[in-house]
């Protein structure tokens, strides 16, 4: 079992502690109960009688650990012997959250009241967060790359939730505040359900583990039913996605979350054979050669008004050569108007339902499109 290694890790840690005396904390050799996770590869959760250990695998170097958190209920005294890691007293009552994705999840879990501050407010379209900042119940802590330290210090949050990046060089001054930094590396999972399953970790942090477990069970069940529904369709359409950005067209890799979603929707993704788990920059000519005859084209953009075929042509004449442009089979998602980025990371079933309806137009009982719509002239 892929998560059984924590017990071995415990024994090794004890051995080094007894031999070298370098461990900052020692702990009794007690067996914990691993919380079974079905899809997440970079997260391990083990419960003990007095605490829970959350181990985050480094997604950029999978033989290493990104971070270890020791979750201890604030209602009890701190145990005398704890494993090494960042101690977090739970549930979090006041947190600073850097991303709209995690703010949206907290709203879904019913703990918006535990958000004391946010960064990059201009990118957070959630009315509850905007209203909270207007009323002063949520503090705008400024730019995520250069947060307002005085406001964070004054807020005195229980934890700061942010997304880590490879070779980021750390988190600057906030690391010196002695406030637990929760590294939200969920976005590095390579499956949609794997990322969504991280909500169970966040549920433990905010004291709503049962609600998070129930929500994930719903997501998992809905996703599975939709996937089976798509497999029954006799329609098989090819698909390309995204737009050119500057000199490059960033297409989802074949093993990326989006690439796998196309596959689960039973669409023939033109870059499905690619081995990358992230986006890959390609020249326009390369994309056109590979995807010029794709039946369907999905695009995302952020504009005051919905994009049209005339807009696409004006942006870049080369787009007009695609089959999907000629047959008027392009679907657009205006992220300025719909909560695509806020919802889909933890509700991939919503996105899968959209893709199935786009790729299998004969399926007409899934409630209509949530994020995408056909482009107008």
Protein backbone atom coordinates (compact mmCIF):
# COMPACT_ATOMS: atom_id res chain seq x y z
CA UNK A 1 0.00 0.00 0.00
CA UNK A 2 1.55 3.28 -1.06
CA UNK A 3 0.93 5.04 2.28
CA UNK A 4 2.16 2.32 4.60
CA UNK A 5 5.67 3.81 4.55
CA UNK A 6 4.96 6.27 7.35
CA UNK A 7 5.51 3.55 9.99
CA UNK A 8 8.92 2.79 8.47
CA UNK A 9 9.67 6.51 8.44
CA UNK A 10 8.83 6.62 12.15
CA UNK A 11 11.28 3.83 12.96
CA UNK A 12 14.05 5.46 10.90
CA UNK A 13 13.44 8.80 12.59
CA UNK A 14 13.73 7.16 16.00
CA UNK A 15 16.95 5.42 15.01
CA UNK A 16 18.60 8.63 13.91
CA UNK A 17 17.30 10.41 16.97
CA UNK A 18 18.86 7.87 19.32
CA UNK A 19 22.16 7.70 17.41
CA UNK A 20 22.80 11.30 16.49
CA UNK A 21 20.67 13.29 18.90
CA UNK A 22 19.76 15.71 16.13
CA UNK A 23 15.99 15.35 16.27
CA UNK A 24 14.27 18.41 17.66
CA UNK A 25 11.59 16.22 19.17
CA UNK A 26 11.31 12.61 20.16
CA UNK A 27 8.17 10.58 20.31
CA UNK A 28 6.91 7.23 21.43
CA UNK A 29 6.73 4.46 18.87
CA UNK A 30 2.99 4.13 18.56
CA UNK A 31 1.03 2.87 15.60
CA UNK A 32 -1.16 5.34 13.79
CA UNK A 33 -4.15 4.78 11.55
CA UNK A 34 -3.62 5.80 7.96
CA UNK A 35 -6.58 7.64 6.47
CA UNK A 36 -7.10 5.90 3.12
CA UNK A 37 -6.84 8.24 0.15
CA UNK A 38 -7.95 6.93 -3.24
CA UNK A 39 -6.38 9.35 -5.70
CA UNK A 40 -3.98 11.86 -4.10
CA UNK A 41 -0.35 10.87 -4.66
CA UNK A 42 1.37 13.69 -2.80
CA UNK A 43 -0.53 13.57 0.49
CA UNK A 44 -0.50 11.13 3.41
CA UNK A 45 -2.69 11.45 6.51
CA UNK A 46 -2.09 9.38 9.66
CA UNK A 47 -4.15 9.77 12.83
CA UNK A 48 -2.89 9.11 16.36
CA UNK A 49 -4.73 9.36 19.66
CA UNK A 50 -3.70 12.97 20.30
CA UNK A 51 -2.82 14.34 16.88
CA UNK A 52 -2.81 13.81 13.11
CA UNK A 53 0.27 13.85 10.89
CA UNK A 54 -0.10 15.23 7.37
CA UNK A 55 2.90 14.52 5.14
CA UNK A 56 3.19 16.39 1.84
CA UNK A 57 5.44 14.74 -0.73
CA UNK A 58 7.59 17.11 -2.74
CA UNK A 59 5.95 17.02 -6.20
CA UNK A 60 9.17 18.25 -7.86
CA UNK A 61 11.35 15.65 -6.16
CA UNK A 62 9.13 12.77 -5.12
CA UNK A 63 11.83 11.11 -3.03
CA UNK A 64 11.70 14.06 -0.64
CA UNK A 65 9.11 15.53 1.72
CA UNK A 66 7.82 19.02 1.03
CA UNK A 67 6.38 19.55 4.51
CA UNK A 68 5.12 17.65 7.55
CA UNK A 69 2.31 19.06 9.68
CA UNK A 70 1.34 17.90 13.16
CA UNK A 71 -2.32 18.78 13.69
CA UNK A 72 -3.15 19.03 17.39
CA UNK A 73 -6.64 20.00 18.61
CA UNK A 74 -6.51 23.36 20.39
CA UNK A 75 -8.94 21.99 22.99
CA UNK A 76 -6.20 19.82 24.50
CA UNK A 77 -2.75 20.43 25.91
CA UNK A 78 0.18 20.00 23.59
CA UNK A 79 1.40 16.39 23.89
CA UNK A 80 4.85 16.04 25.44
CA UNK A 81 6.28 13.91 22.63
CA UNK A 82 5.52 14.77 19.04
CA UNK A 83 7.17 13.83 15.74
CA UNK A 84 9.15 16.47 13.91
CA UNK A 85 7.08 18.90 11.88
CA UNK A 86 5.16 22.14 11.94
CA UNK A 87 2.63 22.12 14.76
CA UNK A 88 -0.79 23.45 13.78
CA UNK A 89 -3.50 23.89 16.41
CA UNK A 90 -6.87 22.96 14.97
CA UNK A 91 -9.45 23.95 14.03
CA UNK A 92 -8.16 27.10 12.37
CA UNK A 93 -10.31 30.00 13.54
CA UNK A 94 -8.58 32.79 11.66
CA UNK A 95 -6.50 32.18 8.55
CA UNK A 96 -4.97 34.18 5.72
CA UNK A 97 -5.63 32.60 2.34
CA UNK A 98 -3.75 33.59 -0.79
CA UNK A 99 -5.93 32.01 -3.50
CA UNK A 100 -9.52 32.25 -4.66
CA UNK A 101 -9.48 28.46 -5.18
CA UNK A 102 -9.12 27.74 -1.48
CA UNK A 103 -11.46 30.56 -0.47
CA UNK A 104 -14.10 28.93 -2.66
CA UNK A 105 -13.49 25.54 -1.02
CA UNK A 106 -13.85 27.07 2.45
CA UNK A 107 -17.17 28.52 1.33
CA UNK A 108 -18.28 25.07 0.15
CA UNK A 109 -17.26 23.60 3.51
CA UNK A 110 -19.14 26.30 5.41
CA UNK A 111 -16.11 27.87 7.11
CA UNK A 112 -15.88 31.24 5.37
CA UNK A 113 -16.03 32.77 8.84
CA UNK A 114 -12.59 31.31 9.50
CA UNK A 115 -11.04 33.43 6.76
CA UNK A 116 -9.52 36.43 8.51
CA UNK A 117 -7.57 37.80 5.58
CA UNK A 118 -6.84 37.29 1.90
CA UNK A 119 -4.17 38.25 -0.60
CA UNK A 120 -4.71 39.25 -4.23
CA UNK A 121 -8.28 40.37 -3.57
CA UNK A 122 -8.65 41.65 -7.12
CA UNK A 123 -8.54 38.06 -8.37
CA UNK A 124 -11.11 36.76 -5.89
CA UNK A 125 -14.57 37.06 -7.40
CA UNK A 126 -16.46 35.41 -4.56
CA UNK A 127 -19.17 37.80 -3.27
CA UNK A 128 -18.72 36.54 0.32
CA UNK A 129 -15.05 37.53 0.29
CA UNK A 130 -15.61 40.85 -1.45
CA UNK A 131 -18.43 41.71 0.98
CA UNK A 132 -16.32 40.66 3.95
CA UNK A 133 -13.50 42.95 2.86
CA UNK A 134 -15.93 45.82 2.30
CA UNK A 135 -17.38 45.37 5.80
CA UNK A 136 -13.99 44.88 7.44
CA UNK A 137 -14.66 41.33 8.65
CA UNK A 138 -11.99 40.08 6.23
CA UNK A 139 -8.71 41.97 5.86
CA UNK A 140 -7.17 42.69 2.47
CA UNK A 141 -3.53 41.75 3.04
CA UNK A 142 -2.33 43.04 -0.31
CA UNK A 143 -0.32 41.41 -3.07
CA UNK A 144 0.53 37.76 -2.56
CA UNK A 145 4.06 38.36 -3.85
CA UNK A 146 4.56 41.23 -1.40
CA UNK A 147 1.93 40.99 1.36
CA UNK A 148 1.21 43.76 3.86
CA UNK A 149 3.19 42.50 6.84
CA UNK A 150 1.70 44.95 9.31
CA UNK A 151 -1.83 43.82 8.53
CA UNK A 152 -0.88 40.15 8.85
CA UNK A 153 0.89 40.79 12.17
CA UNK A 154 -2.08 42.74 13.47
CA UNK A 155 -4.48 40.01 12.35
CA UNK A 156 -2.37 37.33 14.10
CA UNK A 157 -3.76 34.42 12.06
CA UNK A 158 -3.60 30.77 13.11
CA UNK A 159 -2.10 29.86 9.73
CA UNK A 160 -1.33 31.17 6.25
CA UNK A 161 -2.45 29.11 3.25
CA UNK A 162 -0.50 29.61 0.03
CA UNK A 163 0.60 27.67 -3.03
CA UNK A 164 4.26 26.60 -3.23
CA UNK A 165 6.35 26.84 -6.38
CA UNK A 166 9.45 25.00 -7.49
CA UNK A 167 12.68 26.80 -6.59
CA UNK A 168 10.71 29.70 -5.09
CA UNK A 169 13.47 30.41 -2.59
CA UNK A 170 11.08 30.44 0.35
CA UNK A 171 8.35 32.84 1.41
CA UNK A 172 10.34 35.84 2.51
CA UNK A 173 9.42 37.81 5.59
CA UNK A 174 6.30 35.87 6.47
CA UNK A 175 8.48 32.89 7.39
CA UNK A 176 9.83 34.92 10.31
CA UNK A 177 6.40 35.55 11.84
CA UNK A 178 6.23 32.16 13.58
CA UNK A 179 2.87 31.51 11.92
CA UNK A 180 2.33 28.05 10.36
CA UNK A 181 2.52 28.22 6.57
CA UNK A 182 0.29 25.63 4.93
CA UNK A 183 1.77 24.77 1.53
CA UNK A 184 -1.23 24.08 -0.69
CA UNK A 185 0.44 21.83 -3.25
CA UNK A 186 -2.83 20.24 -4.36
CA UNK A 187 -2.47 21.81 -7.80
CA UNK A 188 0.52 19.56 -8.48
CA UNK A 189 -1.56 16.39 -8.45
CA UNK A 190 -1.86 14.94 -11.95
CA UNK A 191 -5.45 13.75 -11.70
CA UNK A 192 -8.56 15.85 -11.15
CA UNK A 193 -9.81 13.62 -8.35
CA UNK A 194 -6.34 13.54 -6.81
CA UNK A 195 -6.38 17.31 -6.43
CA UNK A 196 -9.96 17.36 -5.22
CA UNK A 197 -9.14 14.79 -2.53
CA UNK A 198 -6.90 17.33 -0.80
CA UNK A 199 -10.11 18.87 0.55
CA UNK A 200 -9.95 16.13 3.20
CA UNK A 201 -6.69 17.64 4.49
CA UNK A 202 -8.20 21.11 4.54
CA UNK A 203 -11.25 19.72 6.31
CA UNK A 204 -8.97 18.47 9.11
CA UNK A 205 -7.34 21.89 9.35
CA UNK A 206 -10.63 23.74 9.71
CA UNK A 207 -12.41 21.22 11.90
CA UNK A 208 -14.88 20.07 9.26
CA UNK A 209 -13.40 16.68 8.39
CA UNK A 210 -16.77 14.94 8.12
CA UNK A 211 -18.15 17.65 5.84
CA UNK A 212 -15.04 17.45 3.63
CA UNK A 213 -15.25 13.66 3.50
CA UNK A 214 -18.92 13.84 2.51
CA UNK A 215 -18.28 16.48 -0.15
CA UNK A 216 -15.44 14.50 -1.65
CA UNK A 217 -17.53 11.33 -1.65
CA UNK A 218 -20.17 13.27 -3.62
CA UNK A 219 -17.56 14.58 -6.09
CA UNK A 220 -16.07 11.10 -6.53
CA UNK A 221 -19.47 9.50 -7.07
CA UNK A 222 -20.69 12.13 -9.53
CA UNK A 223 -17.43 12.00 -11.47
CA UNK A 224 -17.62 8.23 -11.72
CA UNK A 225 -21.22 8.26 -12.95
CA UNK A 226 -20.43 10.90 -15.56
CA UNK A 227 -17.40 8.99 -16.78
CA UNK A 228 -19.49 5.84 -17.26
CA UNK A 229 -22.16 7.87 -19.05
CA UNK A 230 -19.62 9.22 -21.53
CA UNK A 231 -18.29 5.73 -22.19
CA UNK A 232 -21.74 4.66 -23.41
CA UNK A 233 -21.80 7.29 -26.15
CA UNK A 234 -21.22 6.26 -29.74
CA UNK A 235 -20.02 9.78 -30.65
CA UNK A 236 -16.25 10.28 -30.85
CA UNK A 237 -15.08 13.87 -31.39
CA UNK A 238 -11.53 15.19 -31.39
CA UNK A 239 -10.71 18.25 -29.31
CA UNK A 240 -8.11 21.00 -29.01
CA UNK A 241 -8.01 23.70 -26.33
CA UNK A 242 -6.69 27.11 -25.33
CA UNK A 243 -5.34 30.02 -27.41
CA UNK A 244 -2.00 31.37 -28.54
CA UNK A 245 -0.34 33.61 -25.95
CA UNK A 246 2.36 35.77 -27.42
CA UNK A 247 4.65 33.58 -29.51
CA UNK A 248 3.61 30.31 -27.82
CA UNK A 249 0.45 28.23 -27.55
CA UNK A 250 0.35 26.54 -24.15
CA UNK A 251 -1.49 23.27 -24.63
CA UNK A 252 -2.31 20.89 -21.75
CA UNK A 253 0.05 17.92 -21.68
CA UNK A 254 -1.40 14.50 -22.33
CA UNK A 255 -0.95 13.53 -18.68
CA UNK A 256 -2.15 16.84 -17.26
CA UNK A 257 -5.35 17.18 -15.28
CA UNK A 258 -7.15 18.70 -18.27
CA UNK A 259 -5.72 16.13 -20.66
CA UNK A 260 -7.06 13.37 -18.44
CA UNK A 261 -10.42 15.10 -18.16
CA UNK A 262 -10.71 15.08 -21.96
CA UNK A 263 -9.98 11.37 -21.86
CA UNK A 264 -12.53 10.73 -19.09
CA UNK A 265 -15.09 12.63 -21.17
CA UNK A 266 -14.30 10.17 -23.98
CA UNK A 267 -13.01 12.85 -26.28
CA UNK A 268 -10.05 12.29 -28.58
CA UNK A 269 -7.57 14.83 -27.30
CA UNK A 270 -5.14 15.66 -30.09
CA UNK A 271 -2.18 15.77 -27.68
CA UNK A 272 -3.16 12.70 -25.67
CA UNK A 273 0.08 10.91 -26.55
CA UNK A 274 2.17 13.67 -24.97
CA UNK A 275 3.85 12.62 -21.70
CA UNK A 276 3.86 15.98 -19.90
CA UNK A 277 1.75 16.53 -16.78
CA UNK A 278 1.69 20.31 -17.18
CA UNK A 279 1.23 22.73 -20.07
CA UNK A 280 3.70 22.71 -22.95
CA UNK A 281 4.55 25.76 -25.09
CA UNK A 282 4.28 25.07 -28.80
CA UNK A 283 4.53 27.18 -31.93
CA UNK A 284 1.26 28.01 -33.67
CA UNK A 285 2.32 26.01 -36.71
CA UNK A 286 2.91 22.93 -34.56
CA UNK A 287 -0.54 23.16 -33.01
CA UNK A 288 -2.18 23.78 -36.36
CA UNK A 289 -0.47 20.79 -37.97
CA UNK A 290 -1.64 18.55 -35.14
CA UNK A 291 -5.03 20.05 -34.31
CA UNK A 292 -6.18 21.92 -37.40
CA UNK A 293 -8.80 19.25 -38.11
CA UNK A 294 -10.06 18.90 -34.51
CA UNK A 295 -13.85 18.70 -34.32
CA UNK A 296 -14.18 20.82 -31.17
CA UNK A 297 -12.19 23.69 -29.73
CA UNK A 298 -12.51 24.97 -26.16
CA UNK A 299 -11.02 28.28 -25.08
CA UNK A 300 -10.82 30.28 -21.85
CA UNK A 301 -10.45 34.05 -21.71
CA UNK A 302 -11.10 37.01 -19.43
CA UNK A 303 -13.00 39.88 -21.02
CA UNK A 304 -15.75 42.35 -20.22
CA UNK A 305 -17.89 40.89 -22.99
CA UNK A 306 -18.10 37.42 -24.46
CA UNK A 307 -15.73 36.61 -27.28
CA UNK A 308 -17.06 36.14 -30.82
CA UNK A 309 -15.73 34.58 -34.02
CA UNK A 310 -15.04 38.11 -35.25
CA UNK A 311 -12.92 38.74 -32.14
CA UNK A 312 -10.94 35.56 -32.72
CA UNK A 313 -10.29 36.51 -36.32
CA UNK A 314 -9.22 40.00 -35.28
CA UNK A 315 -6.89 38.62 -32.61
CA UNK A 316 -5.11 36.27 -34.98
CA UNK A 317 -6.02 35.46 -38.57
CA UNK A 318 -4.46 32.01 -38.29
CA UNK A 319 -7.34 30.85 -36.09
CA UNK A 320 -9.69 30.96 -39.09
CA UNK A 321 -7.94 27.97 -40.64
CA UNK A 322 -9.08 25.56 -37.92
CA UNK A 323 -11.90 23.18 -38.78
CA UNK A 324 -13.72 24.08 -35.54
CA UNK A 325 -13.65 27.75 -36.58
CA UNK A 326 -15.06 26.96 -40.02
CA UNK A 327 -17.79 24.67 -38.64
CA UNK A 328 -18.59 27.08 -35.79
CA UNK A 329 -17.86 24.50 -33.12
CA UNK A 330 -15.86 26.59 -30.66
CA UNK A 331 -16.88 26.83 -27.01
CA UNK A 332 -15.69 29.71 -24.87
CA UNK A 333 -15.44 30.20 -21.11
CA UNK A 334 -15.32 33.82 -19.98
CA UNK A 335 -13.60 33.55 -16.60
CA UNK A 336 -14.49 37.17 -15.87
CA UNK A 337 -18.13 36.08 -15.59
CA UNK A 338 -18.12 32.45 -14.45
CA UNK A 339 -16.27 30.90 -11.47
CA UNK A 340 -14.25 28.43 -13.52
CA UNK A 341 -10.99 28.76 -11.62
CA UNK A 342 -12.74 29.03 -8.26
CA UNK A 343 -14.86 25.89 -8.59
CA UNK A 344 -13.31 23.33 -10.89
CA UNK A 345 -10.19 22.38 -8.86
CA UNK A 346 -12.37 20.85 -6.14
CA UNK A 347 -15.46 20.16 -8.26
CA UNK A 348 -13.96 18.47 -11.33
CA UNK A 349 -17.29 16.71 -11.81
CA UNK A 350 -18.79 20.07 -12.81
CA UNK A 351 -16.16 20.51 -15.52
CA UNK A 352 -16.47 16.91 -16.67
CA UNK A 353 -20.22 17.41 -17.14
CA UNK A 354 -19.51 20.40 -19.40
CA UNK A 355 -16.96 18.51 -21.47
CA UNK A 356 -19.27 15.52 -21.89
CA UNK A 357 -22.06 17.75 -23.19
CA UNK A 358 -19.64 19.45 -25.60
CA UNK A 359 -18.12 16.20 -26.86
CA UNK A 360 -21.37 14.22 -26.86
CA UNK A 361 -24.09 16.66 -27.90
CA UNK A 362 -26.63 13.84 -28.05
CA UNK A 363 -26.55 13.66 -24.24
CA UNK A 364 -29.07 16.28 -23.32
CA UNK A 365 -30.06 15.59 -19.74
CA UNK A 366 -27.05 16.81 -17.75
CA UNK A 367 -28.52 20.21 -16.94
CA UNK A 368 -26.81 22.38 -19.54
CA UNK A 369 -23.37 23.95 -19.66
CA UNK A 370 -22.06 25.59 -16.49
CA UNK A 371 -18.87 27.27 -17.72
CA UNK A 372 -18.73 27.13 -21.51
CA UNK A 373 -21.03 28.38 -24.23
CA UNK A 374 -20.85 28.38 -28.02
CA UNK A 375 -19.25 31.44 -29.51
CA UNK A 376 -21.49 33.88 -31.33
CA UNK A 377 -20.69 35.48 -34.64
